[in-house]
Structures are given as C-alpha cells and as structure tokens.
Amino acid sequence: MRLLARDGKLPRWLRGLAAIGLAPIPGPVDEIVLLIVAAILWLGYREQLRAAWRTAA
C-alpha cells in the first residue's frame, strides 16, 4: 500500500485515503479505510495494483 500511496498515476484523493489507512489510528478505522482503498484499486486501477505487487515481490 505504501507503493501505491506514492504512485503519481493514482488520483490525489485515493492516495490521501491510502495515507490515512497507513496511519497508526487506534481502532478499526485504518483497516476499514484500507479495505475501501483496496476495493477501489481492484475495481478501477488493476494495472497499477499489479505493478505494485510486482515491485513489492
């Protein structure tokens, strides 16, 4: 997710949500935000998601 949060190809609002999800917020808030970002990435930005997976591997 850190790679995607820094990716300039994604919209700024989506990168902002990813950054909020990576923040150490107590409770389930950050996990819920990460799930929402993951769903948006899976539905609309699959190529960027695959590229981040390849880079992370």
Protein backbone atom coordinates (compact mmCIF):
# COMPACT_ATOMS: atom_id res chain seq x y z
CA MET A 1 0.00 0.00 0.00
CA ARG A 2 2.94 2.32 0.61
CA LEU A 3 4.00 1.97 -3.01
CA LEU A 4 0.51 2.87 -4.19
CA ALA A 5 0.28 5.83 -1.81
CA ARG A 6 3.33 7.31 -3.54
CA ASP A 7 2.22 6.43 -7.09
CA GLY A 8 1.70 9.59 -9.14
CA LYS A 9 -0.63 7.79 -11.57
CA LEU A 10 -3.40 7.48 -8.98
CA PRO A 11 -5.72 10.38 -8.16
CA ARG A 12 -4.71 12.54 -5.23
CA TRP A 13 -7.84 11.70 -3.22
CA LEU A 14 -7.12 7.97 -3.50
CA ARG A 15 -3.51 8.45 -2.44
CA GLY A 16 -4.78 10.52 0.50
CA LEU A 17 -7.12 7.72 1.56
CA ALA A 18 -4.25 5.24 1.34
CA ALA A 19 -2.11 7.52 3.52
CA ILE A 20 -4.91 7.71 6.11
CA GLY A 21 -5.15 3.92 6.05
CA LEU A 22 -1.44 3.64 6.71
CA ALA A 23 -1.61 6.00 9.71
CA PRO A 24 -1.49 4.32 13.14
CA ILE A 25 -5.04 5.24 14.12
CA PRO A 26 -6.34 3.23 17.09
CA GLY A 27 -9.33 1.03 16.46
CA PRO A 28 -10.60 -0.45 13.22
CA VAL A 29 -10.73 2.87 11.32
CA ASP A 30 -7.46 2.45 9.43
CA GLU A 31 -8.28 -1.16 8.48
CA ILE A 32 -11.69 -0.12 7.12
CA VAL A 33 -10.09 2.66 5.07
CA LEU A 34 -7.52 0.21 3.68
CA LEU A 35 -10.29 -2.20 2.68
CA ILE A 36 -12.15 0.59 0.89
CA VAL A 37 -8.97 1.66 -0.94
CA ALA A 38 -8.23 -1.96 -1.87
CA ALA A 39 -11.72 -2.38 -3.32
CA ILE A 40 -11.41 0.83 -5.35
CA LEU A 41 -7.99 -0.24 -6.62
CA TRP A 42 -9.28 -3.70 -7.54
CA LEU A 43 -12.26 -2.30 -9.43
CA GLY A 44 -10.70 0.65 -11.22
CA TYR A 45 -6.91 0.57 -11.06
CA ARG A 46 -5.91 -3.06 -11.60
CA GLU A 47 -2.82 -2.28 -13.69
CA GLN A 48 -1.34 -0.02 -11.01
CA LEU A 49 -2.17 -2.64 -8.37
CA ARG A 50 -0.44 -5.38 -10.37
CA ALA A 51 2.59 -3.18 -10.95
CA ALA A 52 2.86 -2.50 -7.20
CA TRP A 53 2.62 -6.25 -6.49
CA ARG A 54 5.40 -6.93 -8.99
CA THR A 55 7.56 -4.21 -7.47
CA ALA A 56 6.98 -5.48 -3.94
CA ALA A 57 7.90 -9.04 -4.91
